[in-house]
Amino acid sequence: MSPEPENAYDRYEQSRKLQCRAHQQIPGGCHTYAKGDDQFPMLSPGFIARGKGCHVWDVDGNEFIEYGMGCRAVTLGHAFEPVVSAVAESLTLGTNFTRPAAIEVECAEMLLSMIPTAEMCKFAKDGSTVTTAALKLARAHTGRDKIALCQDHPFFAIHDWFIGTTGIPAGIPDAVRDQSLMFRYNDPESIEYLFKKFPGQIAAIILEPAKYSDPEDHFLHRAREICHQNGALFILDEMITGFRWHNGGAQTSYDIEPDLSTFGKALANGFSASALVGKREFMQAAGLYHDRQRVFALSTTHGAETPGLAAAIATMRFYQENPVIEVLQRQGAKLAASLREIVSSHGLEDSIQIIGKPCNLIFTSTDGDGQRSQFFRALLMQELIRGGVLGPSLVISYSHSDEDIAQTSVAFDKALVVYKAALAEGVEKYLLGPPTQIVYQDRNDVAFQSPPRAFHPAQ
């Protein structure tokens, strides 16, 4: 990893200059809120120049072991050769035409062969598009307007039906917000309550199969049963769990059959490809050859752009021919065990926890009173970055080697020395700049209400 210069701010000089330019042209300085300046400590790389495997280099030339891997989209590794080669070959043939490309059929057949419960599919570029299309099909099928979504799962779509339920509903009409209802994960009674309160009005429920813990007491099966008893559809959002839990998605792991489900992120190892899949009786309403009312579910110019589908095919083929899921589980388990041992060695079990399934780990950070703290989260991220680890989470990839895990453990051990000192002496003494922020907040923190200037500690 890159050595720390005498003046730590000098390490990110080019990043800061680029950040200043970016905020003049781009609201938020980037195009994904999770990648924004307020989600990372001040002392961190602002822009990534390139990546290989699980390592990335920023625009200043600093090297890091990366976790999170493109918001969980890159499961195999950056610039993964089989995927890159497939995309490069597809580019020589053109990318978009006035009629469908044959690769659309090939990709659809491969995806449907991997998802046992799916009979038809439609491709798009992002997760929001396909989750929203799933709800449209459910509403058309049932003739109902309301939908219920799991409040324990942090993101379903950029669209009004979801954002209207968060802490930043500006610009969303009340009439739209009123159609979205909330229930709790592992709480079937909360689902039953909604169906009793709004009889004959709920078109579907949508949730992730799991987040950081498995469903309890056959929760998914009970939730589906409640839906079907009340004439509603059961939709699973597998943007994260798909191609991490099992080659056939978490629905295969948990032996649950959804009516519709959505995939993306790892589907194409970070290239833009997402999919709505489901039972024929619901999906075919978006097609041509039937006598039912048509549903304009998905129609996007770039939805079946050939490079993204080539990446998806190459990714799925690699999954079929290699033990990707097993490696994610094994390496994630090694990482979790090592970090938990380090936390224990510092006596910080009450302040830091490593939680989640091995393939989808995160860390929690609390203050001296045991309360979740964005200050201490920022401090831990800052110190990990000093040690050459870019880790907003601990989400691992197929490319994370034993050596990467060992280096991560060393960085974590050093970071906890500072964390423990901050608990005793005050986090403000050790954190450079403001704490990280929560995305769903109504107003920007005061530290982010003025555009960034030249990167200098005094500013």
Protein backbone atom coordinates (compact mmCIF):
# COMPACT_ATOMS: atom_id res chain seq x y z
CA MET A 1 0.00 0.00 0.00
CA SER A 2 1.05 3.59 -0.52
CA PRO A 3 3.00 5.18 2.37
CA GLU A 4 1.38 8.01 4.30
CA PRO A 5 3.06 11.37 3.47
CA GLU A 6 4.11 13.75 6.21
CA ASN A 7 1.12 15.96 5.41
CA ALA A 8 -1.77 13.52 4.94
CA TYR A 9 -3.79 16.07 2.96
CA ASP A 10 -1.13 16.12 0.24
CA ARG A 11 -1.97 12.51 -0.49
CA TYR A 12 -5.25 13.57 -2.17
CA GLU A 13 -4.31 16.79 -3.92
CA GLN A 14 -5.57 15.74 -7.35
CA SER A 15 -8.74 14.27 -5.89
CA ARG A 16 -9.59 17.52 -4.14
CA LYS A 17 -9.01 19.56 -7.27
CA LEU A 18 -11.30 17.25 -9.20
CA GLN A 19 -13.92 17.41 -6.45
CA CYS A 20 -13.98 21.19 -6.72
CA ARG A 21 -14.59 20.95 -10.46
CA ALA A 22 -17.17 18.18 -10.09
CA HIS A 23 -19.42 20.09 -7.71
CA GLN A 24 -19.57 22.98 -10.20
CA GLN A 25 -20.97 20.67 -12.88
CA ILE A 26 -22.68 17.77 -11.10
CA PRO A 27 -25.20 18.07 -8.24
CA GLY A 28 -23.62 16.13 -5.40
CA GLY A 29 -20.33 15.86 -7.25
CA CYS A 30 -21.13 12.34 -8.51
CA HIS A 31 -24.01 10.30 -9.89
CA THR A 32 -24.60 7.87 -7.02
CA TYR A 33 -25.45 9.24 -3.58
CA ALA A 34 -23.68 6.31 -1.88
CA LYS A 35 -20.43 7.46 -3.51
CA GLY A 36 -20.81 11.11 -2.41
CA ASP A 37 -18.37 13.18 -0.37
CA ASP A 38 -20.67 13.07 2.65
CA GLN A 39 -20.49 9.27 2.75
CA PHE A 40 -16.73 9.21 3.31
CA PRO A 41 -14.31 10.92 5.70
CA MET A 42 -12.53 14.02 4.44
CA LEU A 43 -9.21 12.20 4.46
CA SER A 44 -10.12 9.78 1.68
CA PRO A 45 -9.69 9.38 -2.07
CA GLY A 46 -12.18 11.47 -4.01
CA PHE A 47 -11.94 9.75 -7.39
CA ILE A 48 -10.83 6.31 -8.54
CA ALA A 49 -8.72 6.09 -11.69
CA ARG A 50 -8.59 2.32 -12.19
CA GLY A 51 -9.08 -1.06 -10.56
CA LYS A 52 -7.78 -4.58 -10.92
CA GLY A 53 -9.19 -7.47 -8.93
CA CYS A 54 -10.00 -6.06 -5.49
CA HIS A 55 -7.39 -3.27 -5.69
CA VAL A 56 -8.07 0.28 -6.85
CA TRP A 57 -5.87 3.29 -7.53
CA ASP A 58 -7.10 6.85 -7.08
CA VAL A 59 -6.25 9.83 -9.29
CA ASP A 60 -3.29 10.63 -7.03
CA GLY A 61 -1.83 7.16 -7.52
CA ASN A 62 -2.70 5.80 -4.06
CA GLU A 63 -3.48 2.08 -3.95
CA PHE A 64 -6.20 0.51 -1.79
CA ILE A 65 -7.80 -2.84 -1.12
CA GLU A 66 -11.45 -2.12 -1.85
CA TYR A 67 -14.54 -3.46 -0.12
CA GLY A 68 -18.08 -2.80 -1.20
CA MET A 69 -16.85 -3.32 -4.75
CA GLY A 70 -18.94 -0.78 -6.66
CA CYS A 71 -21.95 -0.83 -4.33
CA ARG A 72 -21.86 -4.66 -4.29
CA ALA A 73 -21.97 -4.88 -8.10
CA VAL A 74 -18.47 -6.26 -8.74
CA THR A 75 -18.43 -9.78 -7.32
CA LEU A 76 -15.68 -11.24 -9.51
CA GLY A 77 -13.23 -8.34 -9.50
CA HIS A 78 -12.43 -5.13 -11.34
CA ALA A 79 -11.33 -5.52 -14.97
CA PHE A 80 -11.99 -9.26 -14.68
CA GLU A 81 -10.45 -10.74 -17.80
CA PRO A 82 -13.20 -13.14 -18.99
CA VAL A 83 -15.79 -10.40 -18.69
CA VAL A 84 -13.62 -7.69 -20.25
CA SER A 85 -12.78 -9.97 -23.19
CA ALA A 86 -16.44 -10.73 -23.84
CA VAL A 87 -17.32 -7.05 -23.77
CA ALA A 88 -14.40 -6.13 -26.03
CA GLU A 89 -15.50 -8.70 -28.59
CA SER A 90 -19.10 -7.49 -28.51
CA LEU A 91 -18.00 -3.88 -29.09
CA THR A 92 -16.58 -4.77 -32.50
CA LEU A 93 -20.05 -5.90 -33.61
CA GLY A 94 -21.95 -2.74 -32.66
CA THR A 95 -23.90 -1.91 -29.54
CA ASN A 96 -27.47 -0.93 -30.45
CA PHE A 97 -29.69 -1.59 -33.46
CA THR A 98 -33.20 -0.94 -34.79
CA ARG A 99 -34.21 -4.57 -34.17
CA PRO A 100 -33.30 -6.90 -31.32
CA ALA A 101 -29.85 -8.48 -31.23
CA ALA A 102 -29.52 -12.26 -31.05
CA ILE A 103 -27.55 -11.91 -27.83
CA GLU A 104 -30.78 -10.83 -26.10
CA VAL A 105 -32.21 -14.31 -26.54
CA GLU A 106 -28.96 -16.00 -25.50
CA CYS A 107 -28.71 -13.92 -22.34
CA ALA A 108 -32.37 -14.45 -21.46
CA GLU A 109 -32.07 -18.21 -21.87
CA MET A 110 -28.95 -18.35 -19.72
CA LEU A 111 -30.47 -16.24 -16.95
CA LEU A 112 -33.70 -18.26 -16.92
CA SER A 113 -31.69 -21.48 -16.75
CA MET A 114 -30.04 -20.21 -13.56
CA ILE A 115 -33.20 -18.94 -11.80
CA PRO A 116 -35.42 -22.02 -11.40
CA THR A 117 -38.57 -20.08 -10.48
CA ALA A 118 -38.39 -17.72 -13.50
CA GLU A 119 -40.14 -18.37 -16.81
CA MET A 120 -39.71 -15.04 -18.64
CA CYS A 121 -37.44 -12.01 -18.30
CA LYS A 122 -36.99 -8.41 -19.43
CA PHE A 123 -33.67 -6.56 -19.33
CA ALA A 124 -32.91 -3.00 -18.32
CA LYS A 125 -29.88 -1.05 -17.13
CA ASP A 126 -30.53 -0.41 -13.43
CA GLY A 127 -32.33 -1.87 -10.47
CA SER A 128 -34.83 0.94 -10.00
CA THR A 129 -36.27 0.42 -13.47
CA VAL A 130 -37.01 -3.26 -12.99
CA THR A 131 -38.37 -3.04 -9.43
CA THR A 132 -40.76 -0.31 -10.59
CA ALA A 133 -41.77 -2.42 -13.60
CA ALA A 134 -42.51 -5.32 -11.26
CA LEU A 135 -44.91 -3.14 -9.30
CA LYS A 136 -46.59 -1.96 -12.49
CA LEU A 137 -47.24 -5.56 -13.55
CA ALA A 138 -48.63 -6.34 -10.10
CA ARG A 139 -50.92 -3.33 -10.17
CA ALA A 140 -52.14 -4.19 -13.66
CA HIS A 141 -52.77 -7.81 -12.71
CA THR A 142 -54.68 -7.02 -9.52
CA GLY A 143 -56.31 -3.73 -10.45
CA ARG A 144 -55.09 -2.31 -7.13
CA ASP A 145 -52.98 0.75 -6.37
CA LYS A 146 -51.25 0.26 -3.03
CA ILE A 147 -48.00 -1.60 -2.52
CA ALA A 148 -46.25 -2.68 0.68
CA LEU A 149 -42.49 -2.60 1.09
CA CYS A 150 -40.15 -3.73 3.82
CA GLN A 151 -39.00 -0.79 5.93
CA ASP A 152 -35.93 -2.69 7.14
CA HIS A 153 -34.42 -2.75 3.65
CA PRO A 154 -32.71 0.52 2.76
CA PHE A 155 -33.25 0.94 -0.97
CA PHE A 156 -35.63 -0.28 -3.65
CA ALA A 157 -35.71 2.44 -6.32
CA ILE A 158 -35.06 6.08 -7.12
CA HIS A 159 -38.72 6.41 -8.03
CA ASP A 160 -41.41 8.19 -6.04
CA TRP A 161 -43.09 5.06 -4.68
CA PHE A 162 -39.98 4.36 -2.60
CA ILE A 163 -38.25 7.73 -2.04
CA GLY A 164 -41.56 9.07 -0.77
CA THR A 165 -41.22 6.73 2.22
CA THR A 166 -37.78 8.07 3.21
CA GLY A 167 -36.62 11.20 5.02
CA ILE A 168 -36.20 13.13 1.75
CA PRO A 169 -39.64 13.13 0.08
CA ALA A 170 -39.30 16.61 -1.47
CA GLY A 171 -40.99 16.85 -4.86
CA ILE A 172 -43.18 13.79 -4.36
CA PRO A 173 -46.98 14.32 -4.23
CA ASP A 174 -48.84 13.10 -1.17
CA ALA A 175 -51.15 11.15 -3.46
CA VAL A 176 -48.17 9.03 -4.54
CA ARG A 177 -46.76 8.67 -1.04
CA ASP A 178 -50.11 7.46 0.26
CA GLN A 179 -49.95 4.40 -2.00
CA SER A 180 -46.83 3.00 -0.30
CA LEU A 181 -47.20 1.08 2.95
CA MET A 182 -44.52 -0.33 5.23
CA PHE A 183 -44.04 -3.63 7.04
CA ARG A 184 -41.22 -5.17 9.08
CA TYR A 185 -38.91 -8.04 8.14
CA ASN A 186 -39.42 -11.29 10.07
CA ASP A 187 -42.77 -9.91 11.23
CA PRO A 188 -45.65 -11.58 9.34
CA GLU A 189 -48.14 -9.97 11.68
CA SER A 190 -47.15 -6.55 10.32
CA ILE A 191 -48.05 -7.79 6.83
CA GLU A 192 -51.36 -9.23 7.98
CA TYR A 193 -52.15 -5.92 9.66
CA LEU A 194 -51.77 -4.02 6.37
CA PHE A 195 -54.04 -6.38 4.47
CA LYS A 196 -56.68 -6.06 7.19
CA LYS A 197 -56.39 -2.27 7.26
CA PHE A 198 -56.51 -1.95 3.47
CA PRO A 199 -58.63 -4.89 2.28
CA GLY A 200 -58.63 -5.42 -1.47
CA GLN A 201 -56.27 -2.47 -2.03
CA ILE A 202 -52.72 -3.90 -1.94
CA ALA A 203 -51.32 -5.11 -5.26
CA ALA A 204 -48.06 -6.61 -3.98
CA ILE A 205 -45.43 -6.68 -1.31
CA ILE A 206 -41.76 -6.24 -2.20
CA LEU A 207 -38.76 -7.08 -0.06
CA GLU A 208 -35.24 -8.44 -0.19
CA PRO A 209 -35.02 -12.16 0.66
CA ALA A 210 -32.57 -11.23 3.43
CA LYS A 211 -30.26 -8.43 4.48
CA TYR A 212 -27.78 -9.34 7.18
CA SER A 213 -29.58 -12.28 8.78
CA ASP A 214 -31.62 -15.19 7.49
CA PRO A 215 -35.43 -15.23 7.60
CA GLU A 216 -36.83 -16.69 10.81
CA ASP A 217 -39.65 -19.20 11.24
CA HIS A 218 -40.25 -19.54 7.47
CA PHE A 219 -40.97 -15.82 7.25
CA LEU A 220 -40.69 -15.63 3.46
CA HIS A 221 -43.09 -18.52 2.99
CA ARG A 222 -45.52 -17.02 5.47
CA ALA A 223 -45.32 -13.63 3.74
CA ARG A 224 -46.05 -15.20 0.36
CA GLU A 225 -48.95 -17.15 1.84
CA ILE A 226 -50.47 -13.96 3.25
CA CYS A 227 -50.09 -12.24 -0.13
CA HIS A 228 -51.77 -15.02 -2.06
CA GLN A 229 -54.57 -15.37 0.48
CA ASN A 230 -55.31 -11.70 -0.14
CA GLY A 231 -54.93 -11.74 -3.93
CA ALA A 232 -51.62 -9.88 -4.00
CA LEU A 233 -48.30 -10.69 -5.67
CA PHE A 234 -45.11 -11.61 -3.83
CA ILE A 235 -42.01 -9.83 -5.23
CA LEU A 236 -38.39 -10.42 -4.22
CA ASP A 237 -35.71 -7.79 -4.86
CA GLU A 238 -32.50 -9.77 -5.43
CA MET A 239 -30.25 -6.88 -6.46
CA ILE A 240 -27.86 -7.68 -3.62
CA THR A 241 -28.59 -11.31 -2.77
CA GLY A 242 -28.63 -12.46 -6.39
CA PHE A 243 -25.26 -13.98 -7.37
CA ARG A 244 -24.03 -13.68 -3.78
CA TRP A 245 -26.22 -16.15 -1.85
CA HIS A 246 -26.53 -18.78 -4.59
CA ASN A 247 -26.21 -19.10 -8.36
CA GLY A 248 -30.00 -19.22 -8.43
CA GLY A 249 -30.43 -16.31 -6.06
CA ALA A 250 -31.40 -16.28 -2.40
CA GLN A 251 -34.80 -17.59 -3.46
CA THR A 252 -33.05 -20.87 -4.25
CA SER A 253 -31.18 -20.82 -0.93
CA TYR A 254 -34.42 -20.35 0.97
CA ASP A 255 -36.54 -22.56 -1.33
CA ILE A 256 -39.08 -19.79 -1.91
CA GLU A 257 -40.89 -19.15 -5.19
CA PRO A 258 -41.73 -15.49 -5.85
CA ASP A 259 -44.24 -14.34 -8.44
CA LEU A 260 -41.73 -11.79 -9.74
CA SER A 261 -38.13 -11.02 -8.82
CA THR A 262 -35.45 -8.57 -9.85
CA PHE A 263 -31.71 -8.94 -10.41
CA GLY A 264 -28.84 -6.59 -11.22
CA LYS A 265 -25.53 -5.45 -9.72
CA ALA A 266 -23.49 -8.69 -9.78
CA LEU A 267 -25.45 -9.99 -12.79
CA ALA A 268 -22.86 -8.42 -15.12
CA ASN A 269 -19.95 -7.89 -12.68
CA GLY A 270 -20.48 -4.13 -12.56
CA PHE A 271 -21.51 -3.54 -16.16
CA SER A 272 -24.98 -2.06 -16.62
CA ALA A 273 -27.50 -4.87 -16.74
CA SER A 274 -30.57 -5.63 -14.67
CA ALA A 275 -33.46 -8.00 -15.12
CA LEU A 276 -37.09 -8.48 -14.17
CA VAL A 277 -37.95 -12.17 -14.11
CA GLY A 278 -41.04 -14.05 -13.12
CA LYS A 279 -43.90 -16.34 -13.85
CA ARG A 280 -45.28 -16.34 -17.37
CA GLU A 281 -48.83 -15.52 -16.28
CA PHE A 282 -47.64 -12.14 -14.97
CA MET A 283 -44.77 -11.36 -17.33
CA GLN A 284 -46.60 -12.02 -20.60
CA ALA A 285 -48.93 -9.08 -19.95
CA ALA A 286 -46.00 -6.91 -21.07
CA GLY A 287 -45.79 -8.79 -24.38
CA LEU A 288 -47.58 -8.86 -27.73
CA TYR A 289 -49.16 -12.25 -28.25
CA HIS A 290 -52.15 -12.26 -25.91
CA ASP A 291 -55.67 -10.83 -25.80
CA ARG A 292 -55.37 -9.17 -22.38
CA GLN A 293 -54.93 -5.50 -21.63
CA ARG A 294 -51.38 -4.53 -22.50
CA VAL A 295 -48.95 -3.33 -19.84
CA PHE A 296 -46.18 -0.93 -20.82
CA ALA A 297 -43.78 -2.41 -18.31
CA LEU A 298 -40.29 -1.92 -19.75
CA SER A 299 -39.06 -0.28 -22.93
CA THR A 300 -35.69 1.43 -22.76
CA THR A 301 -33.35 2.39 -25.60
CA HIS A 302 -30.32 0.99 -23.82
CA GLY A 303 -31.98 -1.84 -21.89
CA ALA A 304 -30.56 -4.55 -24.14
CA GLU A 305 -27.36 -2.78 -25.18
CA THR A 306 -25.12 -5.63 -26.30
CA PRO A 307 -21.94 -5.00 -24.21
CA GLY A 308 -23.90 -5.20 -20.96
CA LEU A 309 -25.54 -8.45 -22.03
CA ALA A 310 -22.17 -9.83 -23.15
CA ALA A 311 -20.83 -9.02 -19.68
CA ALA A 312 -23.82 -10.74 -18.09
CA ILE A 313 -23.33 -13.89 -20.16
CA ALA A 314 -19.61 -14.01 -19.36
CA THR A 315 -20.33 -13.44 -15.67
CA MET A 316 -23.00 -16.13 -15.49
CA ARG A 317 -20.81 -18.56 -17.40
CA PHE A 318 -17.95 -17.99 -14.95
CA TYR A 319 -20.36 -18.68 -12.08
CA GLN A 320 -21.45 -21.90 -13.75
CA GLU A 321 -17.87 -23.11 -14.29
CA ASN A 322 -16.23 -21.89 -11.07
CA PRO A 323 -17.06 -22.04 -7.33
CA VAL A 324 -17.72 -18.30 -6.99
CA ILE A 325 -20.33 -18.58 -4.23
CA GLU A 326 -18.12 -20.95 -2.26
CA VAL A 327 -15.14 -18.58 -2.51
CA LEU A 328 -17.24 -15.60 -1.39
CA GLN A 329 -18.44 -17.56 1.63
CA ARG A 330 -14.99 -18.92 2.49
CA GLN A 331 -13.09 -15.65 2.16
CA GLY A 332 -15.82 -13.67 3.88
CA ALA A 333 -15.78 -16.10 6.79
CA LYS A 334 -11.99 -15.75 7.07
CA LEU A 335 -12.28 -11.97 7.07
CA ALA A 336 -15.04 -11.94 9.68
CA ALA A 337 -13.20 -14.32 11.99
CA SER A 338 -9.97 -12.34 11.78
CA LEU A 339 -11.61 -8.96 12.40
CA ARG A 340 -13.74 -10.23 15.27
CA GLU A 341 -10.61 -11.58 16.94
CA ILE A 342 -8.94 -8.18 16.53
CA VAL A 343 -11.96 -6.37 17.95
CA SER A 344 -11.90 -8.70 20.93
CA SER A 345 -8.16 -8.19 21.45
CA HIS A 346 -8.78 -4.45 21.83
CA GLY A 347 -11.75 -4.99 24.14
CA LEU A 348 -14.06 -3.20 21.73
CA GLU A 349 -16.83 -5.82 21.39
CA ASP A 350 -19.37 -3.31 22.69
CA SER A 351 -18.29 -0.64 20.19
CA ILE A 352 -17.67 -2.49 16.92
CA GLN A 353 -19.46 -5.48 15.49
CA ILE A 354 -18.87 -7.42 12.27
CA ILE A 355 -22.30 -8.54 11.09
CA GLY A 356 -23.95 -10.12 8.09
CA LYS A 357 -23.46 -13.21 6.01
CA PRO A 358 -19.84 -13.88 4.97
CA CYS A 359 -20.59 -12.74 1.42
CA ASN A 360 -22.21 -9.49 2.61
CA LEU A 361 -20.41 -8.22 5.71
CA ILE A 362 -20.62 -4.77 7.26
CA PHE A 363 -19.27 -3.20 10.44
CA THR A 364 -21.15 -1.21 13.04
CA SER A 365 -19.60 1.61 15.07
CA THR A 366 -20.86 3.10 18.30
CA ASP A 367 -19.75 5.82 20.68
CA GLY A 368 -18.94 5.55 24.37
CA ASP A 369 -22.64 5.42 25.22
CA GLY A 370 -23.25 2.52 22.87
CA GLN A 371 -25.13 4.65 20.33
CA ARG A 372 -24.58 4.30 16.59
CA SER A 373 -22.23 7.12 15.61
CA GLN A 374 -21.44 8.66 12.22
CA PHE A 375 -18.43 10.30 13.89
CA PHE A 376 -16.94 6.95 14.86
CA ARG A 377 -17.93 5.41 11.54
CA ALA A 378 -16.00 8.17 9.76
CA LEU A 379 -13.04 7.71 12.12
CA LEU A 380 -12.84 3.97 11.50
CA MET A 381 -13.09 4.47 7.73
CA GLN A 382 -10.44 7.21 7.92
CA GLU A 383 -7.98 5.00 9.77
CA LEU A 384 -8.63 2.04 7.48
CA ILE A 385 -7.89 4.31 4.52
CA ARG A 386 -4.62 5.33 6.19
CA GLY A 387 -3.80 1.63 6.24
CA GLY A 388 -4.61 1.16 2.57
CA VAL A 389 -8.16 -0.19 2.89
CA LEU A 390 -11.12 1.56 1.28
CA GLY A 391 -13.97 0.09 3.27
CA PRO A 392 -17.41 1.68 3.62
CA SER A 393 -18.43 -1.95 4.18
CA LEU A 394 -16.67 -5.30 4.29
CA VAL A 395 -18.40 -6.76 1.23
CA ILE A 396 -15.93 -9.13 -0.35
CA SER A 397 -15.32 -10.32 -3.92
CA TYR A 398 -14.01 -13.44 -5.65
CA SER A 399 -10.69 -11.58 -6.07
CA HIS A 400 -9.98 -11.00 -2.37
CA SER A 401 -7.02 -13.25 -1.59
CA ASP A 402 -5.70 -14.49 1.73
CA GLU A 403 -2.99 -11.82 1.46
CA ASP A 404 -5.63 -9.11 0.99
CA ILE A 405 -7.46 -10.35 4.08
CA ALA A 406 -4.20 -10.38 6.05
CA GLN A 407 -3.37 -6.80 5.01
CA THR A 408 -6.92 -5.73 5.85
CA SER A 409 -6.53 -7.27 9.30
CA VAL A 410 -3.31 -5.34 9.91
CA ALA A 411 -5.01 -2.08 8.89
CA PHE A 412 -8.01 -2.87 11.10
CA ASP A 413 -5.75 -3.61 14.07
CA LYS A 414 -4.00 -0.24 13.71
CA ALA A 415 -7.29 1.56 13.20
CA LEU A 416 -8.69 0.22 16.45
CA VAL A 417 -5.80 1.69 18.41
CA VAL A 418 -6.99 5.12 17.30
CA TYR A 419 -10.66 4.19 17.78
CA LYS A 420 -10.01 3.18 21.39
CA ALA A 421 -8.08 6.39 22.05
CA ALA A 422 -10.96 8.40 20.58
CA LEU A 423 -13.41 6.72 22.92
CA ALA A 424 -11.26 7.81 25.86
CA GLU A 425 -10.22 11.28 24.70
CA GLY A 426 -12.98 12.39 22.29
CA VAL A 427 -13.50 11.56 18.64
CA GLU A 428 -13.04 15.19 17.56
CA LYS A 429 -9.37 14.95 18.52
CA TYR A 430 -8.78 12.23 15.92
CA LEU A 431 -11.34 12.69 13.14
CA LEU A 432 -10.23 15.12 10.43
CA GLY A 433 -13.26 16.89 9.02
CA PRO A 434 -16.99 16.25 9.49
CA PRO A 435 -18.60 12.87 10.21
CA THR A 436 -20.18 10.78 7.48
CA GLN A 437 -23.85 11.48 6.82
CA ILE A 438 -27.08 9.53 6.35
CA VAL A 439 -28.37 9.71 2.77
CA TYR A 440 -32.03 10.03 3.74
CA GLN A 441 -31.89 13.36 5.58
CA ASP A 442 -34.00 16.41 4.81
CA ARG A 443 -31.19 19.00 5.01
CA ASN A 444 -27.47 18.83 4.30
CA ASP A 445 -25.20 19.03 7.31
CA VAL A 446 -23.67 22.49 7.72
CA ALA A 447 -20.29 21.09 6.68
CA PHE A 448 -21.74 20.31 3.25
CA GLN A 449 -23.69 23.49 2.59
CA SER A 450 -20.78 25.24 0.85
CA PRO A 451 -18.92 23.91 -2.21
CA PRO A 452 -15.45 22.49 -1.52
CA ARG A 453 -12.42 24.68 -2.11
CA ALA A 454 -8.74 23.84 -2.40
CA PHE A 455 -7.84 20.87 -0.21
CA HIS A 456 -6.15 22.40 2.79
CA PRO A 457 -6.62 21.61 6.50
CA ALA A 458 -7.41 25.24 7.33
CA GLN A 459 -10.34 25.14 4.92
